[in-house]
């Protein structure tokens, strides 16, 4: 796997996110991302369609929801693999 050559202003994966102030944009973004993934994993396909109708297109919505569920599970695993972020992942 290639390394990401992008230069970022900050590495949230090395910050202790749980100790950042609630108004910190990085903290809020990570918490929002983790919460979105948790909701995608927990909700039924019908609940996902109701809550986020913009995720459903004219193509096979069942396949789209399965894709989101897989992505949410994989994202949670990645977040959990970083000790300073794992505390925000349920």
PDB file of N, CA and C in Angstrom:
ATOM      1  N   UNK A   1       0.842  -1.178   0.000  1.00  0.00           N
ATOM      2  CA  UNK A   1       0.000   0.000   0.000  1.00  0.00           C
ATOM      3  C   UNK A   1       0.887   1.241   0.000  1.00  0.00           C
ATOM      4  N   UNK A   2       0.568   2.187  -0.854  1.00  0.00           N
ATOM      5  CA  UNK A   2       1.348   3.420  -0.955  1.00  0.00           C
ATOM      6  C   UNK A   2       1.049   4.347   0.222  1.00  0.00           C
ATOM      7  N   UNK A   3       2.055   5.097   0.589  1.00  0.00           N
ATOM      8  CA  UNK A   3       1.845   6.081   1.648  1.00  0.00           C
ATOM      9  C   UNK A   3       1.205   7.329   1.074  1.00  0.00           C
ATOM     10  N   UNK A   4       0.458   8.002   1.907  1.00  0.00           N
ATOM     11  CA  UNK A   4      -0.234   9.226   1.505  1.00  0.00           C
ATOM     12  C   UNK A   4       0.757  10.387   1.527  1.00  0.00           C
ATOM     13  N   UNK A   5       1.037  11.006   0.389  1.00  0.00           N
ATOM     14  CA  UNK A   5       2.011  12.094   0.341  1.00  0.00           C
ATOM     15  C   UNK A   5       1.432  13.453   0.774  1.00  0.00           C
ATOM     16  N   UNK A   6       0.151  13.493   1.087  1.00  0.00           N
ATOM     17  CA  UNK A   6      -0.507  14.742   1.436  1.00  0.00           C
ATOM     18  C   UNK A   6       0.048  15.297   2.746  1.00  0.00           C
ATOM     19  N   UNK A   7       0.303  16.609   2.757  1.00  0.00           N
ATOM     20  CA  UNK A   7       0.735  17.275   3.982  1.00  0.00           C
ATOM     21  C   UNK A   7      -0.502  17.861   4.653  1.00  0.00           C
ATOM     22  N   UNK A   8      -0.751  17.436   5.883  1.00  0.00           N
ATOM     23  CA  UNK A   8      -1.902  17.913   6.631  1.00  0.00           C
ATOM     24  C   UNK A   8      -1.459  18.913   7.695  1.00  0.00           C
ATOM     25  N   UNK A   9      -2.349  19.813   8.074  1.00  0.00           N
ATOM     26  CA  UNK A   9      -2.039  20.779   9.130  1.00  0.00           C
ATOM     27  C   UNK A   9      -1.903  20.095  10.481  1.00  0.00           C
ATOM     28  N   UNK A  10      -2.548  18.947  10.628  1.00  0.00           N
ATOM     29  CA  UNK A  10      -2.620  18.308  11.935  1.00  0.00           C
ATOM     30  C   UNK A  10      -2.893  16.821  11.757  1.00  0.00           C
ATOM     31  N   UNK A  11      -2.355  16.023  12.666  1.00  0.00           N
ATOM     32  CA  UNK A  11      -2.579  14.582  12.632  1.00  0.00           C
ATOM     33  C   UNK A  11      -3.487  14.197  13.796  1.00  0.00           C
ATOM     34  N   UNK A  12      -4.787  14.113  13.536  1.00  0.00           N
ATOM     35  CA  UNK A  12      -5.742  13.789  14.600  1.00  0.00           C
ATOM     36  C   UNK A  12      -5.543  12.389  15.158  1.00  0.00           C
ATOM     37  N   UNK A  13      -4.905  11.520  14.398  1.00  0.00           N
ATOM     38  CA  UNK A  13      -4.680  10.162  14.871  1.00  0.00           C
ATOM     39  C   UNK A  13      -3.602  10.104  15.953  1.00  0.00           C
ATOM     40  N   UNK A  14      -2.816  11.169  16.085  1.00  0.00           N
ATOM     41  CA  UNK A  14      -1.816  11.198  17.153  1.00  0.00           C
ATOM     42  C   UNK A  14      -2.262  12.065  18.324  1.00  0.00           C
ATOM     43  N   UNK A  15      -3.318  12.852  18.141  1.00  0.00           N
ATOM     44  CA  UNK A  15      -3.886  13.650  19.239  1.00  0.00           C
ATOM     45  C   UNK A  15      -4.731  12.762  20.142  1.00  0.00           C
ATOM     46  N   UNK A  16      -4.771  13.086  21.423  1.00  0.00           N
ATOM     47  CA  UNK A  16      -5.703  12.397  22.320  1.00  0.00           C
ATOM     48  C   UNK A  16      -7.041  13.110  22.167  1.00  0.00           C
ATOM     49  N   UNK A  17      -7.845  12.607  21.256  1.00  0.00           N
ATOM     50  CA  UNK A  17      -9.081  13.270  20.852  1.00  0.00           C
ATOM     51  C   UNK A  17     -10.030  13.489  22.028  1.00  0.00           C
ATOM     52  N   UNK A  18     -10.059  12.562  22.967  1.00  0.00           N
ATOM     53  CA  UNK A  18     -10.976  12.697  24.109  1.00  0.00           C
ATOM     54  C   UNK A  18     -10.612  13.873  25.005  1.00  0.00           C
ATOM     55  N   UNK A  19      -9.388  14.386  24.885  1.00  0.00           N
ATOM     56  CA  UNK A  19      -8.957  15.516  25.708  1.00  0.00           C
ATOM     57  C   UNK A  19      -9.052  16.852  24.985  1.00  0.00           C
ATOM     58  N   UNK A  20      -9.443  16.823  23.726  1.00  0.00           N
ATOM     59  CA  UNK A  20      -9.606  18.071  22.985  1.00  0.00           C
ATOM     60  C   UNK A  20     -10.897  18.751  23.418  1.00  0.00           C
ATOM     61  N   UNK A  21     -10.948  20.071  23.347  1.00  0.00           N
ATOM     62  CA  UNK A  21     -12.179  20.771  23.733  1.00  0.00           C
ATOM     63  C   UNK A  21     -13.328  20.423  22.782  1.00  0.00           C
ATOM     64  N   UNK A  22     -14.551  20.414  23.289  1.00  0.00           N
ATOM     65  CA  UNK A  22     -15.710  20.042  22.456  1.00  0.00           C
ATOM     66  C   UNK A  22     -15.866  20.890  21.196  1.00  0.00           C
ATOM     67  N   UNK A  23     -15.396  22.124  21.223  1.00  0.00           N
ATOM     68  CA  UNK A  23     -15.558  22.996  20.054  1.00  0.00           C
ATOM     69  C   UNK A  23     -14.464  22.796  18.999  1.00  0.00           C
ATOM     70  N   UNK A  24     -13.495  21.911  19.269  1.00  0.00           N
ATOM     71  CA  UNK A  24     -12.429  21.630  18.316  1.00  0.00           C
ATOM     72  C   UNK A  24     -13.017  20.973  17.061  1.00  0.00           C
ATOM     73  N   UNK A  25     -12.722  21.548  15.899  1.00  0.00           N
ATOM     74  CA  UNK A  25     -13.283  21.038  14.639  1.00  0.00           C
ATOM     75  C   UNK A  25     -12.875  19.594  14.369  1.00  0.00           C
ATOM     76  N   UNK A  26     -11.625  19.256  14.615  1.00  0.00           N
ATOM     77  CA  UNK A  26     -11.167  17.888  14.387  1.00  0.00           C
ATOM     78  C   UNK A  26     -11.900  16.897  15.268  1.00  0.00           C
ATOM     79  N   UNK A  27     -12.038  17.244  16.534  1.00  0.00           N
ATOM     80  CA  UNK A  27     -12.773  16.368  17.463  1.00  0.00           C
ATOM     81  C   UNK A  27     -14.215  16.187  16.996  1.00  0.00           C
ATOM     82  N   UNK A  28     -14.874  17.296  16.675  1.00  0.00           N
ATOM     83  CA  UNK A  28     -16.278  17.220  16.224  1.00  0.00           C
ATOM     84  C   UNK A  28     -16.400  16.374  14.967  1.00  0.00           C
ATOM     85  N   UNK A  29     -15.488  16.565  14.014  1.00  0.00           N
ATOM     86  CA  UNK A  29     -15.541  15.785  12.771  1.00  0.00           C
ATOM     87  C   UNK A  29     -15.391  14.298  13.036  1.00  0.00           C
ATOM     88  N   UNK A  30     -14.437  13.929  13.888  1.00  0.00           N
ATOM     89  CA  UNK A  30     -14.246  12.510  14.197  1.00  0.00           C
ATOM     90  C   UNK A  30     -15.441  11.928  14.940  1.00  0.00           C
ATOM     91  N   UNK A  31     -15.980  12.676  15.903  1.00  0.00           N
ATOM     92  CA  UNK A  31     -17.154  12.201  16.638  1.00  0.00           C
ATOM     93  C   UNK A  31     -18.345  12.039  15.697  1.00  0.00           C
ATOM     94  N   UNK A  32     -18.545  13.024  14.816  1.00  0.00           N
ATOM     95  CA  UNK A  32     -19.649  12.933  13.846  1.00  0.00           C
ATOM     96  C   UNK A  32     -19.470  11.733  12.912  1.00  0.00           C
ATOM     97  N   UNK A  33     -18.254  11.523  12.445  1.00  0.00           N
ATOM     98  CA  UNK A  33     -17.970  10.400  11.556  1.00  0.00           C
ATOM     99  C   UNK A  33     -18.213   9.069  12.272  1.00  0.00           C
ATOM    100  N   UNK A  34     -17.726   8.962  13.495  1.00  0.00           N
ATOM    101  CA  UNK A  34     -17.927   7.730  14.274  1.00  0.00           C
ATOM    102  C   UNK A  34     -19.413   7.497  14.532  1.00  0.00           C
ATOM    103  N   UNK A  35     -20.151   8.538  14.850  1.00  0.00           N
ATOM    104  CA  UNK A  35     -21.588   8.403  15.118  1.00  0.00           C
ATOM    105  C   UNK A  35     -22.346   8.010  13.851  1.00  0.00           C
ATOM    106  N   UNK A  36     -21.995   8.607  12.722  1.00  0.00           N
ATOM    107  CA  UNK A  36     -22.631   8.243  11.454  1.00  0.00           C
ATOM    108  C   UNK A  36     -22.417   6.758  11.168  1.00  0.00           C
ATOM    109  N   UNK A  37     -21.179   6.295  11.328  1.00  0.00           N
ATOM    110  CA  UNK A  37     -20.882   4.884  11.078  1.00  0.00           C
ATOM    111  C   UNK A  37     -21.662   3.980  12.019  1.00  0.00           C
ATOM    112  N   UNK A  38     -21.748   4.352  13.275  1.00  0.00           N
ATOM    113  CA  UNK A  38     -22.502   3.555  14.250  1.00  0.00           C
ATOM    114  C   UNK A  38     -23.973   3.473  13.847  1.00  0.00           C
ATOM    115  N   UNK A  39     -24.545   4.600  13.453  1.00  0.00           N
ATOM    116  CA  UNK A  39     -25.954   4.603  13.049  1.00  0.00           C
ATOM    117  C   UNK A  39     -26.175   3.733  11.804  1.00  0.00           C
ATOM    118  N   UNK A  40     -25.284   3.842  10.838  1.00  0.00           N
ATOM    119  CA  UNK A  40     -25.408   3.024   9.623  1.00  0.00           C
ATOM    120  C   UNK A  40     -25.374   1.544   9.978  1.00  0.00           C
ATOM    121  N   UNK A  41     -24.491   1.171  10.897  1.00  0.00           N
ATOM    122  CA  UNK A  41     -24.391  -0.244  11.282  1.00  0.00           C
ATOM    123  C   UNK A  41     -25.617  -0.713  12.046  1.00  0.00           C
ATOM    124  N   UNK A  42     -26.187   0.128  12.893  1.00  0.00           N
ATOM    125  CA  UNK A  42     -27.280  -0.285  13.769  1.00  0.00           C
ATOM    126  C   UNK A  42     -28.659  -0.239  13.114  1.00  0.00           C
ATOM    127  N   UNK A  43     -28.884   0.730  12.242  1.00  0.00           N
ATOM    128  CA  UNK A  43     -30.220   0.929  11.688  1.00  0.00           C
ATOM    129  C   UNK A  43     -30.550  -0.090  10.603  1.00  0.00           C
ATOM    130  N   UNK A  44     -31.824  -0.349  10.457  1.00  0.00           N
ATOM    131  CA  UNK A  44     -32.292  -1.234   9.384  1.00  0.00           C
ATOM    132  C   UNK A  44     -32.220  -0.478   8.058  1.00  0.00           C
ATOM    133  N   UNK A  45     -32.250  -1.200   6.943  1.00  0.00           N
ATOM    134  CA  UNK A  45     -32.265  -0.521   5.649  1.00  0.00           C
ATOM    135  C   UNK A  45     -33.413   0.496   5.513  1.00  0.00           C
ATOM    136  N   UNK A  46     -34.577   0.160   6.023  1.00  0.00           N
ATOM    137  CA  UNK A  46     -35.710   1.096   5.946  1.00  0.00           C
ATOM    138  C   UNK A  46     -35.434   2.358   6.766  1.00  0.00           C
ATOM    139  N   UNK A  47     -34.840   2.193   7.936  1.00  0.00           N
ATOM    140  CA  UNK A  47     -34.515   3.355   8.776  1.00  0.00           C
ATOM    141  C   UNK A  47     -33.442   4.223   8.112  1.00  0.00           C
ATOM    142  N   UNK A  48     -32.477   3.580   7.472  1.00  0.00           N
ATOM    143  CA  UNK A  48     -31.441   4.340   6.760  1.00  0.00           C
ATOM    144  C   UNK A  48     -32.071   5.136   5.624  1.00  0.00           C
ATOM    145  N   UNK A  49     -32.952   4.513   4.863  1.00  0.00           N
ATOM    146  CA  UNK A  49     -33.629   5.202   3.763  1.00  0.00           C
ATOM    147  C   UNK A  49     -34.453   6.382   4.260  1.00  0.00           C
ATOM    148  N   UNK A  50     -35.114   6.203   5.401  1.00  0.00           N
ATOM    149  CA  UNK A  50     -35.921   7.285   5.969  1.00  0.00           C
ATOM    150  C   UNK A  50     -35.058   8.426   6.480  1.00  0.00           C
ATOM    151  N   UNK A  51     -33.958   8.077   7.146  1.00  0.00           N
ATOM    152  CA  UNK A  51     -33.112   9.094   7.781  1.00  0.00           C
ATOM    153  C   UNK A  51     -32.253   9.835   6.763  1.00  0.00           C
ATOM    154  N   UNK A  52     -31.718   9.117   5.782  1.00  0.00           N
ATOM    155  CA  UNK A  52     -30.841   9.713   4.773  1.00  0.00           C
ATOM    156  C   UNK A  52     -31.334   9.356   3.377  1.00  0.00           C
ATOM    157  N   UNK A  53     -32.443   9.925   2.942  1.00  0.00           N
ATOM    158  CA  UNK A  53     -32.969   9.582   1.616  1.00  0.00           C
ATOM    159  C   UNK A  53     -32.000   9.944   0.486  1.00  0.00           C
ATOM    160  N   UNK A  54     -31.099  10.882   0.740  1.00  0.00           N
ATOM    161  CA  UNK A  54     -30.137  11.277  -0.295  1.00  0.00           C
ATOM    162  C   UNK A  54     -29.131  10.165  -0.603  1.00  0.00           C
ATOM    163  N   UNK A  55     -29.026   9.165   0.272  1.00  0.00           N
ATOM    164  CA  UNK A  55     -28.117   8.039   0.004  1.00  0.00           C
ATOM    165  C   UNK A  55     -28.698   7.063  -1.003  1.00  0.00           C
ATOM    166  N   UNK A  56     -29.980   7.131  -1.212  1.00  0.00           N
ATOM    167  CA  UNK A  56     -30.654   6.195  -2.098  1.00  0.00           C
ATOM    168  C   UNK A  56     -30.829   6.846  -3.470  1.00  0.00           C
ATOM    169  N   UNK A  57     -30.455   6.098  -4.495  1.00  0.00           N
ATOM    170  CA  UNK A  57     -30.577   6.598  -5.859  1.00  0.00           C
ATOM    171  C   UNK A  57     -31.558   5.712  -6.619  1.00  0.00           C
ATOM    172  N   UNK A  58     -31.625   5.906  -7.898  1.00  0.00           N
ATOM    173  CA  UNK A  58     -32.532   5.103  -8.717  1.00  0.00           C
ATOM    174  C   UNK A  58     -32.019   3.691  -8.930  1.00  0.00           C
ATOM    175  N   UNK A  59     -30.760   3.437  -8.572  1.00  0.00           N
ATOM    176  CA  UNK A  59     -30.220   2.092  -8.709  1.00  0.00           C
ATOM    177  C   UNK A  59     -30.662   1.252  -7.515  1.00  0.00           C
ATOM    178  N   UNK A  60     -30.144   0.079  -7.389  1.00  0.00           N
ATOM    179  CA  UNK A  60     -30.562  -0.863  -6.347  1.00  0.00           C
ATOM    180  C   UNK A  60     -30.195  -0.349  -4.956  1.00  0.00           C
ATOM    181  N   UNK A  61     -31.178   0.145  -4.228  1.00  0.00           N
ATOM    182  CA  UNK A  61     -30.914   0.730  -2.911  1.00  0.00           C
ATOM    183  C   UNK A  61     -30.411  -0.308  -1.916  1.00  0.00           C
ATOM    184  N   UNK A  62     -30.803  -1.555  -2.049  1.00  0.00           N
ATOM    185  CA  UNK A  62     -30.326  -2.601  -1.136  1.00  0.00           C
ATOM    186  C   UNK A  62     -28.812  -2.752  -1.243  1.00  0.00           C
ATOM    187  N   UNK A  63     -28.284  -2.721  -2.460  1.00  0.00           N
ATOM    188  CA  UNK A  63     -26.842  -2.818  -2.653  1.00  0.00           C
ATOM    189  C   UNK A  63     -26.124  -1.585  -2.102  1.00  0.00           C
ATOM    190  N   UNK A  64     -26.719  -0.430  -2.269  1.00  0.00           N
ATOM    191  CA  UNK A  64     -26.116   0.801  -1.759  1.00  0.00           C
ATOM    192  C   UNK A  64     -26.047   0.759  -0.230  1.00  0.00           C
ATOM    193  N   UNK A  65     -27.103   0.317   0.406  1.00  0.00           N
ATOM    194  CA  UNK A  65     -27.116   0.230   1.866  1.00  0.00           C
ATOM    195  C   UNK A  65     -26.103  -0.806   2.346  1.00  0.00           C
ATOM    196  N   UNK A  66     -25.985  -1.925   1.652  1.00  0.00           N
ATOM    197  CA  UNK A  66     -24.973  -2.933   2.015  1.00  0.00           C
ATOM    198  C   UNK A  66     -23.575  -2.335   1.923  1.00  0.00           C
ATOM    199  N   UNK A  67     -23.337  -1.536   0.899  1.00  0.00           N
ATOM    200  CA  UNK A  67     -22.035  -0.899   0.736  1.00  0.00           C
ATOM    201  C   UNK A  67     -21.755   0.043   1.902  1.00  0.00           C
ATOM    202  N   UNK A  68     -22.744   0.860   2.281  1.00  0.00           N
ATOM    203  CA  UNK A  68     -22.571   1.774   3.412  1.00  0.00           C
ATOM    204  C   UNK A  68     -22.325   1.001   4.702  1.00  0.00           C
ATOM    205  N   UNK A  69     -23.012  -0.098   4.896  1.00  0.00           N
ATOM    206  CA  UNK A  69     -22.813  -0.900   6.105  1.00  0.00           C
ATOM    207  C   UNK A  69     -21.399  -1.490   6.143  1.00  0.00           C
ATOM    208  N   UNK A  70     -20.907  -1.968   5.001  1.00  0.00           N
ATOM    209  CA  UNK A  70     -19.532  -2.488   4.949  1.00  0.00           C
ATOM    210  C   UNK A  70     -18.525  -1.375   5.239  1.00  0.00           C
ATOM    211  N   UNK A  71     -18.729  -0.232   4.621  1.00  0.00           N
ATOM    212  CA  UNK A  71     -17.820   0.902   4.829  1.00  0.00           C
ATOM    213  C   UNK A  71     -17.835   1.352   6.288  1.00  0.00           C
ATOM    214  N   UNK A  72     -19.008   1.362   6.908  1.00  0.00           N
ATOM    215  CA  UNK A  72     -19.112   1.774   8.312  1.00  0.00           C
ATOM    216  C   UNK A  72     -18.350   0.805   9.209  1.00  0.00           C
ATOM    217  N   UNK A  73     -18.492  -0.477   8.972  1.00  0.00           N
ATOM    218  CA  UNK A  73     -17.783  -1.469   9.771  1.00  0.00           C
ATOM    219  C   UNK A  73     -16.274  -1.360   9.600  1.00  0.00           C
ATOM    220  N   UNK A  74     -15.835  -1.163   8.366  1.00  0.00           N
ATOM    221  CA  UNK A  74     -14.404  -1.025   8.112  1.00  0.00           C
ATOM    222  C   UNK A  74     -13.864   0.263   8.726  1.00  0.00           C
ATOM    223  N   UNK A  75     -14.630   1.336   8.651  1.00  0.00           N
ATOM    224  CA  UNK A  75     -14.203   2.605   9.248  1.00  0.00           C
ATOM    225  C   UNK A  75     -14.063   2.470  10.757  1.00  0.00           C
ATOM    226  N   UNK A  76     -15.006   1.777  11.382  1.00  0.00           N
ATOM    227  CA  UNK A  76     -14.942   1.584  12.832  1.00  0.00           C
ATOM    228  C   UNK A  76     -13.691   0.806  13.210  1.00  0.00           C
ATOM    229  N   UNK A  77     -13.348  -0.223  12.430  1.00  0.00           N
ATOM    230  CA  UNK A  77     -12.133  -0.998  12.706  1.00  0.00           C
ATOM    231  C   UNK A  77     -10.889  -0.120  12.612  1.00  0.00           C
ATOM    232  N   UNK A  78     -10.841   0.747  11.605  1.00  0.00           N
ATOM    233  CA  UNK A  78      -9.688   1.637  11.447  1.00  0.00           C
ATOM    234  C   UNK A  78      -9.614   2.598  12.635  1.00  0.00           C
ATOM    235  N   UNK A  79     -10.729   3.201  12.997  1.00  0.00           N
ATOM    236  CA  UNK A  79     -10.717   4.134  14.130  1.00  0.00           C
ATOM    237  C   UNK A  79     -10.315   3.428  15.421  1.00  0.00           C
ATOM    238  N   UNK A  80     -10.811   2.214  15.620  1.00  0.00           N
ATOM    239  CA  UNK A  80     -10.466   1.455  16.828  1.00  0.00           C
ATOM    240  C   UNK A  80      -8.995   1.067  16.864  1.00  0.00           C
ATOM    241  N   UNK A  81      -8.348   0.987  15.719  1.00  0.00           N
ATOM    242  CA  UNK A  81      -6.941   0.581  15.676  1.00  0.00           C
ATOM    243  C   UNK A  81      -5.997   1.697  16.116  1.00  0.00           C
ATOM    244  N   UNK A  82      -6.512   2.902  16.287  1.00  0.00           N
ATOM    245  CA  UNK A  82      -5.709   4.032  16.741  1.00  0.00           C
ATOM    246  C   UNK A  82      -6.031   4.290  18.215  1.00  0.00           C
ATOM    247  N   UNK A  83      -5.100   3.975  19.109  1.00  0.00           N
ATOM    248  CA  UNK A  83      -5.381   4.052  20.549  1.00  0.00           C
ATOM    249  C   UNK A  83      -5.931   5.392  21.033  1.00  0.00           C
ATOM    250  N   UNK A  84      -5.497   6.486  20.454  1.00  0.00           N
ATOM    251  CA  UNK A  84      -5.949   7.797  20.941  1.00  0.00           C
ATOM    252  C   UNK A  84      -7.325   8.180  20.409  1.00  0.00           C
ATOM    253  N   UNK A  85      -7.849   7.397  19.488  1.00  0.00           N
ATOM    254  CA  UNK A  85      -9.177   7.647  18.933  1.00  0.00           C
ATOM    255  C   UNK A  85     -10.159   6.569  19.347  1.00  0.00           C
ATOM    256  N   UNK A  86      -9.650   5.405  19.700  1.00  0.00           N
ATOM    257  CA  UNK A  86     -10.503   4.246  20.007  1.00  0.00           C
ATOM    258  C   UNK A  86     -11.553   4.549  21.060  1.00  0.00           C
ATOM    259  N   UNK A  87     -11.275   5.468  21.961  1.00  0.00           N
ATOM    260  CA  UNK A  87     -12.237   5.761  23.030  1.00  0.00           C
ATOM    261  C   UNK A  87     -13.531   6.388  22.521  1.00  0.00           C
ATOM    262  N   UNK A  88     -13.519   6.966  21.339  1.00  0.00           N
ATOM    263  CA  UNK A  88     -14.744   7.584  20.817  1.00  0.00           C
ATOM    264  C   UNK A  88     -15.594   6.604  20.025  1.00  0.00           C
ATOM    265  N   UNK A  89     -15.053   5.424  19.756  1.00  0.00           N
ATOM    266  CA  UNK A  89     -15.753   4.432  18.938  1.00  0.00           C
ATOM    267  C   UNK A  89     -16.441   3.436  19.850  1.00  0.00           C
ATOM    268  N   UNK A  90     -17.727   3.246  19.596  1.00  0.00           N
ATOM    269  CA  UNK A  90     -18.510   2.323  20.422  1.00  0.00           C
ATOM    270  C   UNK A  90     -18.443   0.932  19.873  1.00  0.00           C
TER     271      UNK A  90
END
